[in-house]
Amino acid sequence: MKVLVATEKPFAKVAVDGICKEIEAAGYELALLEKYTDKAQLLDAVKDANAIIIRSDIIDAEVLDAAKELKIVVRAGAGYDNVDLAAATAHNVCVMNTPGQNSNAVAELALGMMVYAVRNFYNGTSGTELMGKKLGIHAYGNVGRNVARVAKGFGMEVYAYDAFCPKEVIEKDGVKALDSAEELYKTCQVVSLHIPATAETKNSINYALLKDMPKGAMLVNTARKEVINEVELIKLMEDRADFKYITDIMPVANSEFAEKFAGRYFSTPKKMGAQTAEANINAGIAAAEQIVAFLKDGCEKFRVNK
């Protein structure tokens, strides 16, 4: 069996070493395709691969057509919208993610961005503090839970809304569960966004939802840019000079945001949520372990396609 690690943005060496150890201990061959610059290189590399580990790399129908021996793709990370799930199912390929492995890294980034914003991007002027502010967590998954944990250390009052997470699960963590997204945004001065990009959520963070946030509101997005209705967010920020938008996913309209809302807008140059040595290692090794379990025992615990 041949396992391909295909990463345009490579894992850290220590993560690759850990992946290699897992794969070779199982008696499989490991192949590396790192820092590739053309899709043709990926298409060539997948031809004889039985399994693939990726990060933000695109696995679409064309890649799956080329990968005649492929049985499983594992996305090292939580999000998997870079994989065409329907095409994978049609090719009889199992797709998995590695939920929870990057969660602390993303949570720490979210809180770091909040501090950066309330202290006016460290421009030397007097800012405010997070302590005592109401934080709303939109989607209480692995990252949301870690955001709650860290935020409580800052002395924030933490609320959450998740349509798929029972209230009692949220409240056992000492977090106040709310009944709707609308209630969350009306209640909280700071909202940390963790919803996935689905047909239902794309463009769902819009003017109507954001307009009733309290004075001095801040939206922090470490989820997906597709969930933001950028046109409506721009209109909202034009109407509300007190509103800040901080994101780990550069918007399509980044130049317009930066030009119009200096001092109230910040985007990382590229997605950085999982960019820590620890997350890198955790997600990579988890992906290798899941591939071995699937190939040896048929374990599909983290399968995300039908």
C-alpha atoms as a PDB file:
ATOM      1  CA  MET A   1       0.000   0.000   0.000  1.00  0.00           C
ATOM      2  CA  LYS A   2       1.236   3.462  -0.892  1.00  0.00           C
ATOM      3  CA  VAL A   3       0.358   6.526   1.179  1.00  0.00           C
ATOM      4  CA  LEU A   4       0.915   9.921  -0.432  1.00  0.00           C
ATOM      5  CA  VAL A   5       1.348  13.106   1.591  1.00  0.00           C
ATOM      6  CA  ALA A   6       0.392  15.837  -0.893  1.00  0.00           C
ATOM      7  CA  THR A   7       0.894  19.270   0.654  1.00  0.00           C
ATOM      8  CA  GLU A   8       1.402  22.442  -1.322  1.00  0.00           C
ATOM      9  CA  LYS A   9       1.859  24.018   2.140  1.00  0.00           C
ATOM     10  CA  PRO A  10       4.060  21.375   3.824  1.00  0.00           C
ATOM     11  CA  PHE A  11       3.845  19.909   7.294  1.00  0.00           C
ATOM     12  CA  ALA A  12       6.682  20.702   9.684  1.00  0.00           C
ATOM     13  CA  LYS A  13       9.526  18.186   9.483  1.00  0.00           C
ATOM     14  CA  VAL A  14       8.699  16.757  12.905  1.00  0.00           C
ATOM     15  CA  ALA A  15       5.131  16.097  11.702  1.00  0.00           C
ATOM     16  CA  VAL A  16       6.384  14.399   8.537  1.00  0.00           C
ATOM     17  CA  ASP A  17       8.699  12.255  10.658  1.00  0.00           C
ATOM     18  CA  GLY A  18       5.741  11.241  12.835  1.00  0.00           C
ATOM     19  CA  ILE A  19       3.599  10.414   9.795  1.00  0.00           C
ATOM     20  CA  CYS A  20       6.434   8.389   8.311  1.00  0.00           C
ATOM     21  CA  LYS A  21       6.844   6.419  11.530  1.00  0.00           C
ATOM     22  CA  GLU A  22       3.127   5.526  11.635  1.00  0.00           C
ATOM     23  CA  ILE A  23       2.936   4.545   7.969  1.00  0.00           C
ATOM     24  CA  GLU A  24       6.143   2.523   7.848  1.00  0.00           C
ATOM     25  CA  ALA A  25       5.340   0.732  11.134  1.00  0.00           C
ATOM     26  CA  ALA A  26       2.187  -0.528   9.414  1.00  0.00           C
ATOM     27  CA  GLY A  27       4.278  -1.890   6.547  1.00  0.00           C
ATOM     28  CA  TYR A  28       3.166   0.718   3.999  1.00  0.00           C
ATOM     29  CA  GLU A  29       5.176   2.931   1.636  1.00  0.00           C
ATOM     30  CA  LEU A  30       5.211   6.694   2.155  1.00  0.00           C
ATOM     31  CA  ALA A  31       5.580   9.178  -0.706  1.00  0.00           C
ATOM     32  CA  LEU A  32       5.919  12.956  -0.313  1.00  0.00           C
ATOM     33  CA  LEU A  33       4.768  15.684  -2.683  1.00  0.00           C
ATOM     34  CA  GLU A  34       5.588  18.991  -1.000  1.00  0.00           C
ATOM     35  CA  LYS A  35       5.488  22.596  -2.220  1.00  0.00           C
ATOM     36  CA  TYR A  36       4.149  21.557  -5.607  1.00  0.00           C
ATOM     37  CA  THR A  37       3.400  24.449  -7.942  1.00  0.00           C
ATOM     38  CA  ASP A  38       1.178  22.881 -10.580  1.00  0.00           C
ATOM     39  CA  LYS A  39      -1.875  20.630 -10.475  1.00  0.00           C
ATOM     40  CA  ALA A  40      -0.215  18.357 -13.043  1.00  0.00           C
ATOM     41  CA  GLN A  41       2.322  17.376 -10.387  1.00  0.00           C
ATOM     42  CA  LEU A  42      -0.490  16.282  -8.083  1.00  0.00           C
ATOM     43  CA  LEU A  43      -2.260  14.392 -10.867  1.00  0.00           C
ATOM     44  CA  ASP A  44       0.933  12.478 -11.587  1.00  0.00           C
ATOM     45  CA  ALA A  45       1.660  11.732  -7.926  1.00  0.00           C
ATOM     46  CA  VAL A  46      -1.788  10.275  -7.172  1.00  0.00           C
ATOM     47  CA  LYS A  47      -1.733   7.710  -9.990  1.00  0.00           C
ATOM     48  CA  ASP A  48      -0.610   4.797  -7.808  1.00  0.00           C
ATOM     49  CA  ALA A  49      -1.555   6.079  -4.360  1.00  0.00           C
ATOM     50  CA  ASN A  50      -3.885   3.991  -2.198  1.00  0.00           C
ATOM     51  CA  ALA A  51      -4.283   6.742   0.402  1.00  0.00           C
ATOM     52  CA  ILE A  52      -3.655  10.512   0.501  1.00  0.00           C
ATOM     53  CA  ILE A  53      -3.039  12.920   3.354  1.00  0.00           C
ATOM     54  CA  ILE A  54      -3.708  16.570   2.456  1.00  0.00           C
ATOM     55  CA  ARG A  55      -4.022  19.948   4.142  1.00  0.00           C
ATOM     56  CA  SER A  56      -5.748  22.723   2.151  1.00  0.00           C
ATOM     57  CA  ASP A  57      -5.018  20.972  -1.132  1.00  0.00           C
ATOM     58  CA  ILE A  58      -7.877  20.569  -3.623  1.00  0.00           C
ATOM     59  CA  ILE A  59      -9.125  17.052  -4.279  1.00  0.00           C
ATOM     60  CA  ASP A  60     -11.691  17.321  -7.065  1.00  0.00           C
ATOM     61  CA  ALA A  61     -13.132  14.991  -9.714  1.00  0.00           C
ATOM     62  CA  GLU A  62     -10.075  15.419 -11.944  1.00  0.00           C
ATOM     63  CA  VAL A  63      -7.727  14.294  -9.162  1.00  0.00           C
ATOM     64  CA  LEU A  64     -10.001  11.386  -8.279  1.00  0.00           C
ATOM     65  CA  ASP A  65     -10.169  10.322 -11.948  1.00  0.00           C
ATOM     66  CA  ALA A  66      -6.365  10.170 -12.004  1.00  0.00           C
ATOM     67  CA  ALA A  67      -6.128   8.219  -8.730  1.00  0.00           C
ATOM     68  CA  LYS A  68      -7.235   4.783  -9.941  1.00  0.00           C
ATOM     69  CA  GLU A  69      -5.999   2.939  -6.826  1.00  0.00           C
ATOM     70  CA  LEU A  70      -7.235   5.431  -4.257  1.00  0.00           C
ATOM     71  CA  LYS A  71      -9.249   4.190  -1.272  1.00  0.00           C
ATOM     72  CA  ILE A  72      -9.085   7.047   1.245  1.00  0.00           C
ATOM     73  CA  VAL A  73      -8.333  10.773   1.526  1.00  0.00           C
ATOM     74  CA  VAL A  74      -7.696  12.313   4.943  1.00  0.00           C
ATOM     75  CA  ARG A  75      -7.763  16.065   5.377  1.00  0.00           C
ATOM     76  CA  ALA A  76      -5.421  16.921   8.245  1.00  0.00           C
ATOM     77  CA  GLY A  77      -7.679  19.449   9.929  1.00  0.00           C
ATOM     78  CA  ALA A  78     -11.335  20.013  10.695  1.00  0.00           C
ATOM     79  CA  GLY A  79     -12.640  21.683   7.533  1.00  0.00           C
ATOM     80  CA  TYR A  80     -12.966  19.581   4.383  1.00  0.00           C
ATOM     81  CA  ASP A  81     -14.649  21.829   1.814  1.00  0.00           C
ATOM     82  CA  ASN A  82     -11.519  21.504  -0.339  1.00  0.00           C
ATOM     83  CA  VAL A  83     -12.567  17.911  -1.124  1.00  0.00           C
ATOM     84  CA  ASP A  84     -15.380  17.127  -3.580  1.00  0.00           C
ATOM     85  CA  LEU A  85     -17.329  14.718  -1.388  1.00  0.00           C
ATOM     86  CA  ALA A  86     -19.857  13.716  -4.045  1.00  0.00           C
ATOM     87  CA  ALA A  87     -17.086  12.898  -6.512  1.00  0.00           C
ATOM     88  CA  ALA A  88     -15.235  10.917  -3.834  1.00  0.00           C
ATOM     89  CA  THR A  89     -18.350   8.874  -3.100  1.00  0.00           C
ATOM     90  CA  ALA A  90     -18.851   8.257  -6.815  1.00  0.00           C
ATOM     91  CA  HIS A  91     -15.264   6.962  -6.978  1.00  0.00           C
ATOM     92  CA  ASN A  92     -15.823   4.785  -3.887  1.00  0.00           C
ATOM     93  CA  VAL A  93     -13.242   6.797  -1.935  1.00  0.00           C
ATOM     94  CA  CYS A  94     -13.625   7.395   1.797  1.00  0.00           C
ATOM     95  CA  VAL A  95     -12.984  10.972   2.957  1.00  0.00           C
ATOM     96  CA  MET A  96     -12.082  11.792   6.571  1.00  0.00           C
ATOM     97  CA  ASN A  97     -11.036  14.822   8.561  1.00  0.00           C
ATOM     98  CA  THR A  98      -9.152  14.993  11.871  1.00  0.00           C
ATOM     99  CA  PRO A  99     -11.544  16.865  14.162  1.00  0.00           C
ATOM    100  CA  GLY A 100     -10.177  18.453  17.299  1.00  0.00           C
ATOM    101  CA  GLN A 101      -6.494  18.290  16.424  1.00  0.00           C
ATOM    102  CA  ASN A 102      -6.204  21.996  15.523  1.00  0.00           C
ATOM    103  CA  SER A 103      -8.831  23.258  17.957  1.00  0.00           C
ATOM    104  CA  ASN A 104      -6.619  24.809  20.615  1.00  0.00           C
ATOM    105  CA  ALA A 105      -4.460  26.541  18.013  1.00  0.00           C
ATOM    106  CA  VAL A 106      -7.493  28.162  16.371  1.00  0.00           C
ATOM    107  CA  ALA A 107      -8.982  29.128  19.738  1.00  0.00           C
ATOM    108  CA  GLU A 108      -5.769  30.815  20.883  1.00  0.00           C
ATOM    109  CA  LEU A 109      -5.608  32.719  17.597  1.00  0.00           C
ATOM    110  CA  ALA A 110      -9.226  33.883  17.996  1.00  0.00           C
ATOM    111  CA  LEU A 111      -8.532  35.260  21.472  1.00  0.00           C
ATOM    112  CA  GLY A 112      -5.235  36.777  20.338  1.00  0.00           C
ATOM    113  CA  MET A 113      -7.057  38.594  17.555  1.00  0.00           C
ATOM    114  CA  MET A 114      -9.625  39.873  20.030  1.00  0.00           C
ATOM    115  CA  VAL A 115      -6.873  41.311  22.248  1.00  0.00           C
ATOM    116  CA  TYR A 116      -5.205  42.847  19.194  1.00  0.00           C
ATOM    117  CA  ALA A 117      -8.471  44.523  18.192  1.00  0.00           C
ATOM    118  CA  VAL A 118      -9.562  45.874  21.584  1.00  0.00           C
ATOM    119  CA  ARG A 119      -6.070  47.341  22.062  1.00  0.00           C
ATOM    120  CA  ASN A 120      -6.473  49.229  18.758  1.00  0.00           C
ATOM    121  CA  PHE A 121      -4.008  47.035  16.875  1.00  0.00           C
ATOM    122  CA  TYR A 122      -1.226  48.127  19.239  1.00  0.00           C
ATOM    123  CA  ASN A 123      -1.098  51.596  17.675  1.00  0.00           C
ATOM    124  CA  GLY A 124      -0.140  53.320  20.919  1.00  0.00           C
ATOM    125  CA  THR A 125      -3.621  54.634  21.780  1.00  0.00           C
ATOM    126  CA  SER A 126      -5.779  53.704  24.764  1.00  0.00           C
ATOM    127  CA  GLY A 127      -7.937  50.625  24.144  1.00  0.00           C
ATOM    128  CA  THR A 128     -10.319  48.496  26.188  1.00  0.00           C
ATOM    129  CA  GLU A 129     -10.206  45.086  27.891  1.00  0.00           C
ATOM    130  CA  LEU A 130     -11.906  41.759  27.256  1.00  0.00           C
ATOM    131  CA  MET A 131     -12.636  41.132  30.930  1.00  0.00           C
ATOM    132  CA  GLY A 132     -16.343  41.502  31.668  1.00  0.00           C
ATOM    133  CA  LYS A 133     -17.372  41.630  28.017  1.00  0.00           C
ATOM    134  CA  LYS A 134     -20.009  39.252  26.661  1.00  0.00           C
ATOM    135  CA  LEU A 135     -18.555  36.782  24.152  1.00  0.00           C
ATOM    136  CA  GLY A 136     -20.857  34.873  21.821  1.00  0.00           C
ATOM    137  CA  ILE A 137     -19.629  31.616  20.297  1.00  0.00           C
ATOM    138  CA  HIS A 138     -21.483  30.789  17.082  1.00  0.00           C
ATOM    139  CA  ALA A 139     -21.204  26.972  16.774  1.00  0.00           C
ATOM    140  CA  TYR A 140     -20.047  25.028  19.805  1.00  0.00           C
ATOM    141  CA  GLY A 141     -17.816  22.368  18.301  1.00  0.00           C
ATOM    142  CA  ASN A 142     -14.221  21.508  19.172  1.00  0.00           C
ATOM    143  CA  VAL A 143     -12.931  25.014  18.455  1.00  0.00           C
ATOM    144  CA  GLY A 144     -15.883  26.720  20.126  1.00  0.00           C
ATOM    145  CA  ARG A 145     -15.337  24.719  23.307  1.00  0.00           C
ATOM    146  CA  ASN A 146     -11.688  25.753  23.414  1.00  0.00           C
ATOM    147  CA  VAL A 147     -12.582  29.395  22.777  1.00  0.00           C
ATOM    148  CA  ALA A 148     -14.956  29.215  25.763  1.00  0.00           C
ATOM    149  CA  ARG A 149     -12.245  27.691  27.949  1.00  0.00           C
ATOM    150  CA  VAL A 150      -9.668  30.353  27.090  1.00  0.00           C
ATOM    151  CA  ALA A 151     -12.162  33.240  27.207  1.00  0.00           C
ATOM    152  CA  LYS A 152     -13.235  32.331  30.728  1.00  0.00           C
ATOM    153  CA  GLY A 153      -9.602  32.747  31.731  1.00  0.00           C
ATOM    154  CA  PHE A 154      -9.854  36.334  30.479  1.00  0.00           C
ATOM    155  CA  GLY A 155     -12.894  36.859  32.689  1.00  0.00           C
ATOM    156  CA  MET A 156     -15.349  37.103  29.787  1.00  0.00           C
ATOM    157  CA  GLU A 157     -19.032  36.226  30.138  1.00  0.00           C
ATOM    158  CA  VAL A 158     -19.468  33.424  27.621  1.00  0.00           C
ATOM    159  CA  TYR A 159     -22.586  32.586  25.601  1.00  0.00           C
ATOM    160  CA  ALA A 160     -23.081  30.114  22.751  1.00  0.00           C
ATOM    161  CA  TYR A 161     -25.563  29.094  20.094  1.00  0.00           C
ATOM    162  CA  ASP A 162     -25.378  25.855  18.144  1.00  0.00           C
ATOM    163  CA  ALA A 163     -28.392  24.444  16.315  1.00  0.00           C
ATOM    164  CA  PHE A 164     -27.018  20.914  16.622  1.00  0.00           C
ATOM    165  CA  CYS A 165     -25.570  20.905  20.134  1.00  0.00           C
ATOM    166  CA  PRO A 166     -27.922  20.275  23.083  1.00  0.00           C
ATOM    167  CA  LYS A 167     -28.214  23.108  25.595  1.00  0.00           C
ATOM    168  CA  GLU A 168     -27.171  20.875  28.469  1.00  0.00           C
ATOM    169  CA  VAL A 169     -23.873  20.050  26.715  1.00  0.00           C
ATOM    170  CA  ILE A 170     -23.097  23.759  26.388  1.00  0.00           C
ATOM    171  CA  GLU A 171     -24.192  24.677  29.893  1.00  0.00           C
ATOM    172  CA  LYS A 172     -22.206  21.931  31.635  1.00  0.00           C
ATOM    173  CA  ASP A 173     -19.114  23.887  30.520  1.00  0.00           C
ATOM    174  CA  GLY A 174     -20.333  26.970  32.375  1.00  0.00           C
ATOM    175  CA  VAL A 175     -21.447  28.624  29.133  1.00  0.00           C
ATOM    176  CA  LYS A 176     -24.903  30.202  28.708  1.00  0.00           C
ATOM    177  CA  ALA A 177     -26.790  28.534  25.843  1.00  0.00           C
ATOM    178  CA  LEU A 178     -29.043  30.771  23.744  1.00  0.00           C
ATOM    179  CA  ASP A 179     -31.984  29.775  21.565  1.00  0.00           C
ATOM    180  CA  SER A 180     -31.051  31.423  18.260  1.00  0.00           C
ATOM    181  CA  ALA A 181     -28.283  33.099  16.327  1.00  0.00           C
ATOM    182  CA  GLU A 182     -30.304  36.326  16.451  1.00  0.00           C
ATOM    183  CA  GLU A 183     -30.353  36.237  20.254  1.00  0.00           C
ATOM    184  CA  LEU A 184     -26.604  35.552  20.360  1.00  0.00           C
ATOM    185  CA  TYR A 185     -25.760  38.568  18.198  1.00  0.00           C
ATOM    186  CA  LYS A 186     -28.153  40.887  20.062  1.00  0.00           C
ATOM    187  CA  THR A 187     -26.667  39.838  23.413  1.00  0.00           C
ATOM    188  CA  CYS A 188     -22.925  39.772  22.773  1.00  0.00           C
ATOM    189  CA  GLN A 189     -20.494  42.591  22.076  1.00  0.00           C
ATOM    190  CA  VAL A 190     -17.959  40.123  20.667  1.00  0.00           C
ATOM    191  CA  VAL A 191     -18.922  37.145  18.491  1.00  0.00           C
ATOM    192  CA  SER A 192     -16.479  34.400  17.530  1.00  0.00           C
ATOM    193  CA  LEU A 193     -17.585  32.582  14.404  1.00  0.00           C
ATOM    194  CA  HIS A 194     -17.073  28.815  13.997  1.00  0.00           C
ATOM    195  CA  ILE A 195     -19.776  27.634  11.588  1.00  0.00           C
ATOM    196  CA  PRO A 196     -18.797  25.524   8.549  1.00  0.00           C
ATOM    197  CA  ALA A 197     -19.395  26.647   4.966  1.00  0.00           C
ATOM    198  CA  THR A 198     -22.493  24.763   3.811  1.00  0.00           C
ATOM    199  CA  ALA A 199     -25.371  25.551   1.465  1.00  0.00           C
ATOM    200  CA  GLU A 200     -27.314  26.776   4.510  1.00  0.00           C
ATOM    201  CA  THR A 201     -24.566  28.901   6.065  1.00  0.00           C
ATOM    202  CA  LYS A 202     -22.983  30.596   3.047  1.00  0.00           C
ATOM    203  CA  ASN A 203     -23.661  34.358   3.182  1.00  0.00           C
ATOM    204  CA  SER A 204     -25.705  33.832   6.370  1.00  0.00           C
ATOM    205  CA  ILE A 205     -23.701  36.357   8.399  1.00  0.00           C
ATOM    206  CA  ASN A 206     -25.471  39.392   7.003  1.00  0.00           C
ATOM    207  CA  TYR A 207     -26.719  42.903   7.779  1.00  0.00           C
ATOM    208  CA  ALA A 208     -29.907  41.750   9.481  1.00  0.00           C
ATOM    209  CA  LEU A 209     -28.004  39.470  11.867  1.00  0.00           C
ATOM    210  CA  LEU A 210     -25.232  41.939  12.718  1.00  0.00           C
ATOM    211  CA  LYS A 211     -27.114  45.236  12.924  1.00  0.00           C
ATOM    212  CA  ASP A 212     -28.433  44.681  16.463  1.00  0.00           C
ATOM    213  CA  MET A 213     -25.088  43.818  18.055  1.00  0.00           C
ATOM    214  CA  PRO A 214     -24.306  46.046  21.079  1.00  0.00           C
ATOM    215  CA  LYS A 215     -22.276  49.239  20.807  1.00  0.00           C
ATOM    216  CA  GLY A 216     -18.557  48.602  20.221  1.00  0.00           C
ATOM    217  CA  ALA A 217     -19.299  45.298  18.494  1.00  0.00           C
ATOM    218  CA  MET A 218     -16.649  42.994  17.072  1.00  0.00           C
ATOM    219  CA  LEU A 219     -16.983  39.969  14.777  1.00  0.00           C
ATOM    220  CA  VAL A 220     -14.059  37.524  14.769  1.00  0.00           C
ATOM    221  CA  ASN A 221     -14.006  34.990  11.939  1.00  0.00           C
ATOM    222  CA  THR A 222     -11.656  31.998  12.112  1.00  0.00           C
ATOM    223  CA  ALA A 223     -14.130  29.769  10.245  1.00  0.00           C
ATOM    224  CA  ARG A 224     -14.721  30.308   6.512  1.00  0.00           C
ATOM    225  CA  LYS A 225     -14.954  33.462   4.388  1.00  0.00           C
ATOM    226  CA  GLU A 226     -17.924  32.066   2.443  1.00  0.00           C
ATOM    227  CA  VAL A 227     -20.236  32.395   5.446  1.00  0.00           C
ATOM    228  CA  ILE A 228     -19.849  36.193   5.389  1.00  0.00           C
ATOM    229  CA  ASN A 229     -22.075  38.287   3.145  1.00  0.00           C
ATOM    230  CA  GLU A 230     -19.304  40.736   2.291  1.00  0.00           C
ATOM    231  CA  VAL A 231     -21.502  43.300   0.521  1.00  0.00           C
ATOM    232  CA  GLU A 232     -23.809  43.524   3.532  1.00  0.00           C
ATOM    233  CA  LEU A 233     -20.944  43.571   6.034  1.00  0.00           C
ATOM    234  CA  ILE A 234     -19.391  46.510   4.185  1.00  0.00           C
ATOM    235  CA  LYS A 235     -22.739  48.338   4.311  1.00  0.00           C
ATOM    236  CA  LEU A 236     -23.042  47.602   8.030  1.00  0.00           C
ATOM    237  CA  MET A 237     -19.552  48.927   8.755  1.00  0.00           C
ATOM    238  CA  GLU A 238     -20.343  52.047   6.738  1.00  0.00           C
ATOM    239  CA  ASP A 239     -23.460  52.554   8.868  1.00  0.00           C
ATOM    240  CA  ARG A 240     -21.777  51.697  12.184  1.00  0.00           C
ATOM    241  CA  ALA A 241     -18.468  53.395  12.915  1.00  0.00           C
ATOM    242  CA  ASP A 242     -18.189  51.347  16.147  1.00  0.00           C
ATOM    243  CA  PHE A 243     -18.091  47.923  14.426  1.00  0.00           C
ATOM    244  CA  LYS A 244     -14.857  45.932  13.967  1.00  0.00           C
ATOM    245  CA  TYR A 245     -14.282  42.908  11.731  1.00  0.00           C
ATOM    246  CA  ILE A 246     -11.260  40.686  12.424  1.00  0.00           C
ATOM    247  CA  THR A 247     -10.693  37.637  10.243  1.00  0.00           C
ATOM    248  CA  ASP A 248      -8.281  34.786   9.639  1.00  0.00           C
ATOM    249  CA  ILE A 249      -9.627  34.306   6.110  1.00  0.00           C
ATOM    250  CA  MET A 250      -8.946  37.189   3.746  1.00  0.00           C
ATOM    251  CA  PRO A 251     -12.201  38.413   2.165  1.00  0.00           C
ATOM    252  CA  VAL A 252     -12.658  38.704  -1.575  1.00  0.00           C
ATOM    253  CA  ALA A 253     -13.154  42.440  -0.957  1.00  0.00           C
ATOM    254  CA  ASN A 254     -10.056  42.759   1.247  1.00  0.00           C
ATOM    255  CA  SER A 255      -8.827  45.935  -0.459  1.00  0.00           C
ATOM    256  CA  GLU A 256     -12.178  47.649   0.026  1.00  0.00           C
ATOM    257  CA  PHE A 257     -12.373  46.643   3.684  1.00  0.00           C
ATOM    258  CA  ALA A 258      -8.810  47.827   4.321  1.00  0.00           C
ATOM    259  CA  GLU A 259      -9.311  51.154   2.511  1.00  0.00           C
ATOM    260  CA  LYS A 260     -12.668  52.018   4.061  1.00  0.00           C
ATOM    261  CA  PHE A 261     -12.238  50.719   7.589  1.00  0.00           C
ATOM    262  CA  ALA A 262      -8.692  51.430   8.707  1.00  0.00           C
ATOM    263  CA  GLY A 263      -8.467  50.872  12.449  1.00  0.00           C
ATOM    264  CA  ARG A 264     -11.576  48.677  12.451  1.00  0.00           C
ATOM    265  CA  TYR A 265     -10.561  45.844  10.137  1.00  0.00           C
ATOM    266  CA  PHE A 266      -7.794  43.283  10.094  1.00  0.00           C
ATOM    267  CA  SER A 267      -7.171  40.143   8.045  1.00  0.00           C
ATOM    268  CA  THR A 268      -4.259  37.750   8.257  1.00  0.00           C
ATOM    269  CA  PRO A 269      -2.437  37.478   4.905  1.00  0.00           C
ATOM    270  CA  LYS A 270      -3.326  33.767   4.786  1.00  0.00           C
ATOM    271  CA  LYS A 271      -5.260  31.379   7.014  1.00  0.00           C
ATOM    272  CA  MET A 272      -3.213  30.849  10.166  1.00  0.00           C
ATOM    273  CA  GLY A 273      -5.564  29.086  12.591  1.00  0.00           C
ATOM    274  CA  ALA A 274      -3.785  25.753  12.430  1.00  0.00           C
ATOM    275  CA  GLN A 275      -0.324  27.184  11.884  1.00  0.00           C
ATOM    276  CA  THR A 276       1.365  26.035  15.073  1.00  0.00           C
ATOM    277  CA  ALA A 277       3.959  23.323  15.495  1.00  0.00           C
ATOM    278  CA  GLU A 278       1.666  21.447  17.869  1.00  0.00           C
ATOM    279  CA  ALA A 279      -1.392  21.517  15.592  1.00  0.00           C
ATOM    280  CA  ASN A 280       0.756  20.559  12.633  1.00  0.00           C
ATOM    281  CA  ILE A 281       2.060  17.485  14.421  1.00  0.00           C
ATOM    282  CA  ASN A 282      -1.271  16.493  15.966  1.00  0.00           C
ATOM    283  CA  ALA A 283      -3.270  16.672  12.733  1.00  0.00           C
ATOM    284  CA  GLY A 284      -0.628  14.971  10.590  1.00  0.00           C
ATOM    285  CA  ILE A 285      -0.113  12.032  12.914  1.00  0.00           C
ATOM    286  CA  ALA A 286      -3.867  11.662  13.475  1.00  0.00           C
ATOM    287  CA  ALA A 287      -4.334  11.492   9.696  1.00  0.00           C
ATOM    288  CA  ALA A 288      -1.701   8.740   9.433  1.00  0.00           C
ATOM    289  CA  GLU A 289      -3.291   6.789  12.290  1.00  0.00           C
ATOM    290  CA  GLN A 290      -6.725   7.028  10.670  1.00  0.00           C
ATOM    291  CA  ILE A 291      -5.386   5.770   7.343  1.00  0.00           C
ATOM    292  CA  VAL A 292      -3.739   2.774   8.997  1.00  0.00           C
ATOM    293  CA  ALA A 293      -6.944   1.965  10.921  1.00  0.00           C
ATOM    294  CA  PHE A 294      -8.989   2.211   7.730  1.00  0.00           C
ATOM    295  CA  LEU A 295      -6.684   0.138   5.545  1.00  0.00           C
ATOM    296  CA  LYS A 296      -6.093  -2.546   8.187  1.00  0.00           C
ATOM    297  CA  ASP A 297      -9.466  -2.744   9.947  1.00  0.00           C
ATOM    298  CA  GLY A 298     -11.943  -0.788   7.807  1.00  0.00           C
ATOM    299  CA  CYS A 299     -12.425   1.799  10.584  1.00  0.00           C
ATOM    300  CA  GLU A 300     -14.491   4.738   9.260  1.00  0.00           C
ATOM    301  CA  LYS A 301     -14.971   6.672  12.504  1.00  0.00           C
ATOM    302  CA  PHE A 302     -14.192  10.080  11.027  1.00  0.00           C
ATOM    303  CA  ARG A 303     -15.733   9.562   7.575  1.00  0.00           C
ATOM    304  CA  VAL A 304     -17.421  12.731   6.247  1.00  0.00           C
ATOM    305  CA  ASN A 305     -18.847  11.525   2.913  1.00  0.00           C
ATOM    306  CA  LYS A 306     -21.767   9.153   2.490  1.00  0.00           C
END
